[in-house]
C-alpha atoms as a PDB file:
ATOM      1  CA  MET A   1       6.141 -19.144  66.299  1.00  0.00           C
ATOM      2  CA  LYS A   2       4.463 -15.739  66.527  1.00  0.00           C
ATOM      3  CA  HIS A   3       0.786 -15.764  67.461  1.00  0.00           C
ATOM      4  CA  LYS A   4      -0.294 -14.586  64.029  1.00  0.00           C
ATOM      5  CA  GLU A   5       1.524 -17.413  62.277  1.00  0.00           C
ATOM      6  CA  HIS A   6      -0.845 -19.969  63.813  1.00  0.00           C
ATOM      7  CA  TYR A   7      -3.650 -18.531  61.714  1.00  0.00           C
ATOM      8  CA  ASN A   8      -2.515 -19.650  58.285  1.00  0.00           C
ATOM      9  CA  ASP A   9      -3.901 -21.663  55.373  1.00  0.00           C
ATOM     10  CA  GLU A  10      -3.590 -24.939  57.289  1.00  0.00           C
ATOM     11  CA  TYR A  11      -5.554 -23.432  60.167  1.00  0.00           C
ATOM     12  CA  VAL A  12      -8.269 -22.246  57.778  1.00  0.00           C
ATOM     13  CA  LEU A  13      -8.710 -25.775  56.439  1.00  0.00           C
ATOM     14  CA  GLU A  14      -8.845 -27.261  59.936  1.00  0.00           C
ATOM     15  CA  LEU A  15     -11.317 -24.683  61.227  1.00  0.00           C
ATOM     16  CA  SER A  16     -13.459 -25.143  58.145  1.00  0.00           C
ATOM     17  CA  SER A  17     -13.591 -28.885  58.789  1.00  0.00           C
ATOM     18  CA  LYS A  18     -14.511 -28.362  62.437  1.00  0.00           C
ATOM     19  CA  LEU A  19     -17.261 -25.883  61.625  1.00  0.00           C
ATOM     20  CA  TYR A  20     -18.706 -28.122  58.924  1.00  0.00           C
ATOM     21  CA  SER A  21     -18.742 -31.072  61.343  1.00  0.00           C
ATOM     22  CA  VAL A  22     -21.217 -29.242  63.603  1.00  0.00           C
ATOM     23  CA  MET A  23     -22.923 -27.078  60.945  1.00  0.00           C
ATOM     24  CA  PRO A  24     -24.021 -29.119  57.922  1.00  0.00           C
ATOM     25  CA  HIS A  25     -25.131 -25.905  56.193  1.00  0.00           C
ATOM     26  CA  PHE A  26     -21.684 -24.322  56.595  1.00  0.00           C
ATOM     27  CA  ASN A  27     -20.256 -23.343  53.203  1.00  0.00           C
ATOM     28  CA  SER A  28     -16.724 -24.674  53.524  1.00  0.00           C
ATOM     29  CA  GLN A  29     -15.835 -23.944  49.917  1.00  0.00           C
ATOM     30  CA  ASN A  30     -16.658 -20.239  50.156  1.00  0.00           C
ATOM     31  CA  PHE A  31     -14.999 -19.971  53.565  1.00  0.00           C
ATOM     32  CA  CYS A  32     -11.737 -21.431  52.312  1.00  0.00           C
ATOM     33  CA  SER A  33     -11.726 -19.538  49.024  1.00  0.00           C
ATOM     34  CA  ASP A  34     -12.152 -16.255  50.910  1.00  0.00           C
ATOM     35  CA  LEU A  35      -9.154 -16.966  53.152  1.00  0.00           C
ATOM     36  CA  ILE A  36      -6.623 -19.296  51.557  1.00  0.00           C
ATOM     37  CA  GLY A  37      -3.620 -17.238  50.477  1.00  0.00           C
ATOM     38  CA  ASN A  38      -5.074 -14.022  51.864  1.00  0.00           C
ATOM     39  CA  LEU A  39      -3.786 -13.956  55.443  1.00  0.00           C
ATOM     40  CA  ASP A  40       0.006 -13.961  55.178  1.00  0.00           C
ATOM     41  CA  ASP A  41       0.372 -10.189  54.803  1.00  0.00           C
ATOM     42  CA  LYS A  42      -1.918  -9.381  57.745  1.00  0.00           C
ATOM     43  CA  GLU A  43      -1.249  -8.842  61.430  1.00  0.00           C
ATOM     44  CA  LEU A  44      -2.905 -10.872  64.190  1.00  0.00           C
ATOM     45  CA  PHE A  45      -6.201  -9.076  64.714  1.00  0.00           C
ATOM     46  CA  ALA A  46      -6.600  -8.346  61.025  1.00  0.00           C
ATOM     47  CA  ARG A  47      -6.397 -12.095  60.450  1.00  0.00           C
ATOM     48  CA  PHE A  48      -9.091 -12.653  63.065  1.00  0.00           C
ATOM     49  CA  ASP A  49     -11.369 -10.147  61.401  1.00  0.00           C
ATOM     50  CA  CYS A  50     -10.862 -11.737  57.985  1.00  0.00           C
ATOM     51  CA  ILE A  51     -11.670 -15.148  59.468  1.00  0.00           C
ATOM     52  CA  VAL A  52     -14.784 -13.842  61.221  1.00  0.00           C
ATOM     53  CA  ASP A  53     -15.911 -12.046  58.055  1.00  0.00           C
ATOM     54  CA  ALA A  54     -15.678 -15.354  56.204  1.00  0.00           C
ATOM     55  CA  MET A  55     -17.438 -17.201  59.046  1.00  0.00           C
ATOM     56  CA  GLU A  56     -20.338 -14.769  58.964  1.00  0.00           C
ATOM     57  CA  LYS A  57     -20.731 -15.163  55.211  1.00  0.00           C
ATOM     58  CA  SER A  58     -20.464 -18.948  55.303  1.00  0.00           C
ATOM     59  CA  MET A  59     -22.653 -19.959  58.244  1.00  0.00           C
ATOM     60  CA  GLY A  60     -25.557 -17.524  58.200  1.00  0.00           C
ATOM     61  CA  ASN A  61     -26.519 -14.674  60.505  1.00  0.00           C
ATOM     62  CA  ASP A  62     -28.567 -16.486  63.177  1.00  0.00           C
ATOM     63  CA  TYR A  63     -26.357 -15.536  66.109  1.00  0.00           C
ATOM     64  CA  MET A  64     -28.237 -17.565  68.708  1.00  0.00           C
ATOM     65  CA  LYS A  65     -28.156 -20.685  66.578  1.00  0.00           C
ATOM     66  CA  ASN A  66     -24.466 -20.213  65.855  1.00  0.00           C
ATOM     67  CA  ILE A  67     -23.589 -19.721  69.517  1.00  0.00           C
ATOM     68  CA  GLN A  68     -25.418 -22.877  70.528  1.00  0.00           C
ATOM     69  CA  THR A  69     -23.535 -24.781  67.835  1.00  0.00           C
ATOM     70  CA  PHE A  70     -20.190 -23.386  68.994  1.00  0.00           C
ATOM     71  CA  TYR A  71     -20.593 -25.241  72.289  1.00  0.00           C
ATOM     72  CA  GLU A  72     -20.061 -28.441  70.315  1.00  0.00           C
ATOM     73  CA  LEU A  73     -16.669 -27.185  69.108  1.00  0.00           C
ATOM     74  CA  LEU A  74     -15.123 -26.406  72.471  1.00  0.00           C
ATOM     75  CA  GLY A  75     -13.672 -29.757  73.451  1.00  0.00           C
ATOM     76  CA  PRO A  76     -12.254 -30.663  76.882  1.00  0.00           C
ATOM     77  CA  GLU A  77     -11.509 -28.096  79.543  1.00  0.00           C
ATOM     78  CA  LEU A  78      -7.930 -27.109  80.297  1.00  0.00           C
ATOM     79  CA  THR A  79      -6.642 -29.078  83.247  1.00  0.00           C
ATOM     80  CA  GLN A  80      -4.071 -26.519  84.438  1.00  0.00           C
ATOM     81  CA  PRO A  81      -3.980 -22.775  85.061  1.00  0.00           C
ATOM     82  CA  GLU A  82      -2.703 -20.885  82.043  1.00  0.00           C
ATOM     83  CA  GLY A  83      -2.042 -22.957  78.944  1.00  0.00           C
ATOM     84  CA  MET A  84      -4.815 -21.337  76.940  1.00  0.00           C
ATOM     85  CA  PHE A  85      -2.489 -19.704  74.429  1.00  0.00           C
ATOM     86  CA  ASN A  86      -0.680 -23.022  73.937  1.00  0.00           C
ATOM     87  CA  LEU A  87      -3.675 -25.347  73.723  1.00  0.00           C
ATOM     88  CA  GLY A  88      -6.746 -23.230  73.077  1.00  0.00           C
ATOM     89  CA  TRP A  89      -5.365 -20.665  70.668  1.00  0.00           C
ATOM     90  CA  TRP A  90      -7.359 -22.082  67.747  1.00  0.00           C
ATOM     91  CA  LEU A  91     -10.567 -20.848  69.443  1.00  0.00           C
ATOM     92  CA  TRP A  92      -9.569 -17.179  69.312  1.00  0.00           C
ATOM     93  CA  PRO A  93     -11.643 -16.385  66.165  1.00  0.00           C
ATOM     94  CA  ILE A  94     -14.660 -17.960  67.883  1.00  0.00           C
ATOM     95  CA  GLY A  95     -14.224 -15.476  70.713  1.00  0.00           C
ATOM     96  CA  ARG A  96     -13.734 -12.712  68.167  1.00  0.00           C
ATOM     97  CA  TYR A  97     -17.075 -13.630  66.594  1.00  0.00           C
ATOM     98  CA  VAL A  98     -18.762 -13.198  69.983  1.00  0.00           C
ATOM     99  CA  GLU A  99     -16.858  -9.964  70.584  1.00  0.00           C
ATOM    100  CA  ARG A 100     -18.213  -8.536  67.327  1.00  0.00           C
ATOM    101  CA  ASN A 101     -21.758  -9.885  67.438  1.00  0.00           C
ATOM    102  CA  GLY A 102     -22.710 -10.711  71.002  1.00  0.00           C
ATOM    103  CA  ILE A 103     -23.991  -7.471  72.520  1.00  0.00           C
ATOM    104  CA  GLU A 104     -27.668  -7.830  71.573  1.00  0.00           C
ATOM    105  CA  ASN A 105     -27.862 -11.298  73.137  1.00  0.00           C
ATOM    106  CA  TRP A 106     -25.448 -10.468  75.895  1.00  0.00           C
ATOM    107  CA  LYS A 107     -26.764 -12.944  78.468  1.00  0.00           C
ATOM    108  CA  GLU A 108     -26.314 -15.871  76.115  1.00  0.00           C
ATOM    109  CA  SER A 109     -22.936 -14.492  75.029  1.00  0.00           C
ATOM    110  CA  LEU A 110     -21.791 -14.255  78.627  1.00  0.00           C
ATOM    111  CA  ALA A 111     -22.890 -17.819  79.328  1.00  0.00           C
ATOM    112  CA  PHE A 112     -20.918 -19.005  76.307  1.00  0.00           C
ATOM    113  CA  LEU A 113     -17.810 -17.072  77.357  1.00  0.00           C
ATOM    114  CA  LYS A 114     -17.919 -18.801  80.731  1.00  0.00           C
ATOM    115  CA  GLU A 115     -17.439 -22.074  78.885  1.00  0.00           C
ATOM    116  CA  LEU A 116     -14.999 -20.676  76.324  1.00  0.00           C
ATOM    117  CA  THR A 117     -12.671 -19.372  79.019  1.00  0.00           C
ATOM    118  CA  LYS A 118     -12.258 -22.897  80.383  1.00  0.00           C
ATOM    119  CA  ARG A 119     -10.544 -23.749  77.084  1.00  0.00           C
ATOM    120  CA  PHE A 120      -9.142 -20.444  75.858  1.00  0.00           C
ATOM    121  CA  THR A 121      -9.966 -17.004  77.237  1.00  0.00           C
ATOM    122  CA  GLY A 122     -12.895 -14.642  77.066  1.00  0.00           C
ATOM    123  CA  GLU A 123     -11.019 -11.565  78.227  1.00  0.00           C
ATOM    124  CA  PHE A 124     -11.354  -9.757  74.899  1.00  0.00           C
ATOM    125  CA  ALA A 125     -14.853 -10.887  73.935  1.00  0.00           C
ATOM    126  CA  ILE A 126     -16.332  -9.907  77.279  1.00  0.00           C
ATOM    127  CA  ARG A 127     -15.312  -6.263  77.060  1.00  0.00           C
ATOM    128  CA  PRO A 128     -18.039  -5.042  74.666  1.00  0.00           C
ATOM    129  CA  LEU A 129     -20.589  -6.736  76.936  1.00  0.00           C
ATOM    130  CA  LEU A 130     -19.156  -4.900  79.940  1.00  0.00           C
ATOM    131  CA  LYS A 131     -19.115  -1.616  78.065  1.00  0.00           C
ATOM    132  CA  GLU A 132     -22.811  -1.859  77.159  1.00  0.00           C
ATOM    133  CA  HIS A 133     -24.131  -3.607  80.293  1.00  0.00           C
ATOM    134  CA  PRO A 134     -21.551  -2.929  83.014  1.00  0.00           C
ATOM    135  CA  GLY A 135     -23.721  -3.426  86.099  1.00  0.00           C
ATOM    136  CA  GLU A 136     -25.486  -6.570  84.913  1.00  0.00           C
ATOM    137  CA  VAL A 137     -22.324  -8.230  83.604  1.00  0.00           C
ATOM    138  CA  MET A 138     -20.369  -7.357  86.752  1.00  0.00           C
ATOM    139  CA  ASP A 139     -23.122  -8.887  88.890  1.00  0.00           C
ATOM    140  CA  GLU A 140     -22.479 -12.149  87.049  1.00  0.00           C
ATOM    141  CA  LEU A 141     -18.718 -11.765  87.377  1.00  0.00           C
ATOM    142  CA  ILE A 142     -19.125 -11.383  91.130  1.00  0.00           C
ATOM    143  CA  LEU A 143     -20.686 -14.848  91.118  1.00  0.00           C
ATOM    144  CA  TRP A 144     -17.813 -16.122  88.984  1.00  0.00           C
ATOM    145  CA  THR A 145     -15.290 -15.097  91.644  1.00  0.00           C
ATOM    146  CA  HIS A 146     -16.568 -18.057  93.686  1.00  0.00           C
ATOM    147  CA  ASP A 147     -16.380 -20.569  90.824  1.00  0.00           C
ATOM    148  CA  ASP A 148     -14.357 -23.755  91.263  1.00  0.00           C
ATOM    149  CA  ASN A 149     -12.717 -23.269  87.858  1.00  0.00           C
ATOM    150  CA  VAL A 150      -9.571 -21.143  87.989  1.00  0.00           C
ATOM    151  CA  HIS A 151     -10.097 -19.844  84.457  1.00  0.00           C
ATOM    152  CA  VAL A 152     -13.581 -18.570  85.304  1.00  0.00           C
ATOM    153  CA  ARG A 153     -12.277 -16.807  88.409  1.00  0.00           C
ATOM    154  CA  ARG A 154      -9.434 -15.327  86.406  1.00  0.00           C
ATOM    155  CA  LEU A 155     -11.807 -13.995  83.722  1.00  0.00           C
ATOM    156  CA  ALA A 156     -13.898 -12.305  86.425  1.00  0.00           C
ATOM    157  CA  SER A 157     -10.798 -10.211  87.123  1.00  0.00           C
ATOM    158  CA  GLU A 158      -9.047 -10.030  83.748  1.00  0.00           C
ATOM    159  CA  GLY A 159     -12.177  -8.976  81.881  1.00  0.00           C
ATOM    160  CA  VAL A 160     -12.640  -5.812  83.957  1.00  0.00           C
ATOM    161  CA  ARG A 161      -9.077  -4.517  83.615  1.00  0.00           C
ATOM    162  CA  ILE A 162      -8.954  -0.915  82.471  1.00  0.00           C
ATOM    163  CA  ARG A 163      -5.941  -1.355  80.205  1.00  0.00           C
ATOM    164  CA  LEU A 164      -5.970  -4.952  79.056  1.00  0.00           C
ATOM    165  CA  PRO A 165      -3.149  -5.478  76.526  1.00  0.00           C
ATOM    166  CA  TRP A 166      -4.597  -5.742  72.995  1.00  0.00           C
ATOM    167  CA  GLY A 167      -8.041  -4.871  74.384  1.00  0.00           C
ATOM    168  CA  ILE A 168     -10.119  -1.717  74.197  1.00  0.00           C
ATOM    169  CA  LYS A 169      -9.733   0.639  77.149  1.00  0.00           C
ATOM    170  CA  LEU A 170     -12.614  -0.005  79.539  1.00  0.00           C
ATOM    171  CA  LEU A 171     -13.730   2.285  82.370  1.00  0.00           C
ATOM    172  CA  SER A 172     -16.326   0.008  83.950  1.00  0.00           C
ATOM    173  CA  ALA A 173     -14.002  -0.248  86.944  1.00  0.00           C
ATOM    174  CA  LEU A 174     -14.605   3.436  87.635  1.00  0.00           C
ATOM    175  CA  ASP A 175     -18.262   3.570  86.600  1.00  0.00           C
ATOM    176  CA  GLU A 176     -19.186   0.529  88.704  1.00  0.00           C
ATOM    177  CA  PHE A 177     -16.554   0.938  91.377  1.00  0.00           C
ATOM    178  CA  GLU A 178     -18.498  -0.826  94.131  1.00  0.00           C
ATOM    179  CA  ARG A 179     -18.992  -3.911  92.007  1.00  0.00           C
ATOM    180  CA  TYR A 180     -15.423  -3.733  90.744  1.00  0.00           C
ATOM    181  CA  THR A 181     -14.105  -3.572  94.307  1.00  0.00           C
ATOM    182  CA  GLU A 182     -16.210  -6.594  95.248  1.00  0.00           C
ATOM    183  CA  ILE A 183     -14.744  -8.604  92.359  1.00  0.00           C
ATOM    184  CA  LEU A 184     -11.146  -7.845  93.369  1.00  0.00           C
ATOM    185  CA  THR A 185     -11.851  -8.292  97.076  1.00  0.00           C
ATOM    186  CA  ASN A 186     -13.408 -11.699  96.532  1.00  0.00           C
ATOM    187  CA  LEU A 187     -10.207 -12.756  94.729  1.00  0.00           C
ATOM    188  CA  LYS A 188      -7.571 -11.113  96.943  1.00  0.00           C
ATOM    189  CA  ASP A 189      -6.830 -14.389  98.748  1.00  0.00           C
ATOM    190  CA  ASP A 190      -7.138 -16.681  95.732  1.00  0.00           C
ATOM    191  CA  PRO A 191      -4.617 -19.540  95.999  1.00  0.00           C
ATOM    192  CA  GLU A 192      -3.777 -19.567  92.273  1.00  0.00           C
ATOM    193  CA  LYS A 193      -0.954 -17.312  91.080  1.00  0.00           C
ATOM    194  CA  PHE A 194      -2.755 -17.131  87.712  1.00  0.00           C
ATOM    195  CA  VAL A 195      -5.608 -15.272  89.414  1.00  0.00           C
ATOM    196  CA  GLN A 196      -3.383 -13.283  91.766  1.00  0.00           C
ATOM    197  CA  LYS A 197      -1.449 -11.882  88.808  1.00  0.00           C
ATOM    198  CA  SER A 198      -4.679 -10.705  87.172  1.00  0.00           C
ATOM    199  CA  VAL A 199      -5.894  -8.976  90.342  1.00  0.00           C
ATOM    200  CA  GLY A 200      -2.494  -7.310  90.781  1.00  0.00           C
ATOM    201  CA  ASN A 201      -2.586  -6.126  87.182  1.00  0.00           C
ATOM    202  CA  ASN A 202      -6.029  -4.677  87.832  1.00  0.00           C
ATOM    203  CA  LEU A 203      -4.630  -2.613  90.686  1.00  0.00           C
ATOM    204  CA  ASN A 204      -1.696  -1.518  88.540  1.00  0.00           C
ATOM    205  CA  ASP A 205      -4.113  -0.373  85.814  1.00  0.00           C
ATOM    206  CA  LEU A 206      -6.228   1.423  88.404  1.00  0.00           C
ATOM    207  CA  TYR A 207      -3.195   3.248  89.786  1.00  0.00           C
ATOM    208  CA  ARG A 208      -2.553   4.657  86.321  1.00  0.00           C
ATOM    209  CA  GLU A 209      -6.131   5.882  85.973  1.00  0.00           C
ATOM    210  CA  SER A 210      -7.250   6.734  89.510  1.00  0.00           C
ATOM    211  CA  PRO A 211      -4.582   6.260  92.208  1.00  0.00           C
ATOM    212  CA  GLU A 212      -6.894   7.344  95.011  1.00  0.00           C
ATOM    213  CA  LYS A 213      -9.339   4.541  94.156  1.00  0.00           C
ATOM    214  CA  ALA A 214      -6.523   1.970  94.139  1.00  0.00           C
ATOM    215  CA  ASP A 215      -5.371   3.243  97.527  1.00  0.00           C
ATOM    216  CA  LEU A 216      -8.944   2.977  98.801  1.00  0.00           C
ATOM    217  CA  ILE A 217      -9.215  -0.693  97.834  1.00  0.00           C
ATOM    218  CA  ILE A 218      -5.912  -1.543  99.478  1.00  0.00           C
ATOM    219  CA  ALA A 219      -6.852   0.424 102.608  1.00  0.00           C
ATOM    220  CA  GLN A 220     -10.058  -1.621 102.868  1.00  0.00           C
ATOM    221  CA  TRP A 221      -8.081  -4.832 102.529  1.00  0.00           C
ATOM    222  CA  ARG A 222      -5.673  -3.749 105.246  1.00  0.00           C
ATOM    223  CA  LYS A 223      -8.575  -3.727 107.706  1.00  0.00           C
ATOM    224  CA  THR A 224      -8.933  -7.502 107.306  1.00  0.00           C
ATOM    225  CA  PRO A 225      -6.533 -10.355 108.084  1.00  0.00           C
ATOM    226  CA  SER A 226      -3.756 -10.546 105.522  1.00  0.00           C
ATOM    227  CA  SER A 227      -2.547 -13.519 103.490  1.00  0.00           C
ATOM    228  CA  LYS A 228       0.449 -14.312 101.327  1.00  0.00           C
ATOM    229  CA  ALA A 229      -1.759 -14.015  98.256  1.00  0.00           C
ATOM    230  CA  GLN A 230      -3.037 -10.588  99.281  1.00  0.00           C
ATOM    231  CA  GLU A 231       0.426  -9.257 100.029  1.00  0.00           C
ATOM    232  CA  TRP A 232       1.747 -10.519  96.697  1.00  0.00           C
ATOM    233  CA  ILE A 233      -1.204  -8.937  94.860  1.00  0.00           C
ATOM    234  CA  ILE A 234      -0.664  -5.583  96.556  1.00  0.00           C
ATOM    235  CA  LYS A 235       3.067  -5.641  95.801  1.00  0.00           C
ATOM    236  CA  HIS A 236       2.363  -6.558  92.187  1.00  0.00           C
ATOM    237  CA  GLY A 237      -0.287  -3.873  91.912  1.00  0.00           C
ATOM    238  CA  MET A 238       1.980  -1.178  93.309  1.00  0.00           C
ATOM    239  CA  ARG A 239       5.054  -2.207  91.320  1.00  0.00           C
ATOM    240  CA  ASN A 240       5.186   1.063  89.377  1.00  0.00           C
ATOM    241  CA  GLN A 241       4.520   3.324  92.351  1.00  0.00           C
ATOM    242  CA  LYS A 242       7.413   5.313  93.779  1.00  0.00           C
END
């Protein structure tokens, strides 16, 4: 099944029920009438935007109240690396809501994304926060690189990628290069391949945008004891270099 096909009429009914269960004021009837039969001709992100439009109309515009309520929707954390697109995919419109509305209350949004990413991913929703508050958000991501949860560590890396697939291009890596380097360096020996792949992809993105900065990071790493993780990350990051 293609990603977009998950977000169909059946999904709308299920999401409506979940939202109503934690938001007694949620207007399920309006939500469903806005969406049922109106998603089939739309691509993935257009479906998300239709769903979020209907959410905003049906649950009110108190962002802080809505975010606090969303915590009750999240459910159990993923027990394995990866798996978010198989098990947590239904939460994507929740992340899209934060992506569209979370900048003003960015601290609270960031705290919520830390919990969301343990069930799905916050790699798209975090990017507007990074664009508007790059230094402050990266300071928090530096702390996340030491988190026990693999998904939190992975988001610390994946969120700052310059060329995240499906995401807006983000140049925080260049604008806050010291902080960016600290994030990648803290993760260069991470034992989880899930995290290693993200760090390697960061380097690959950086090589496309600023090869000299990518070389600088690797040169700094070479001054310290190596590890299998680090060598794999470097190889993955340089995979398109001749």
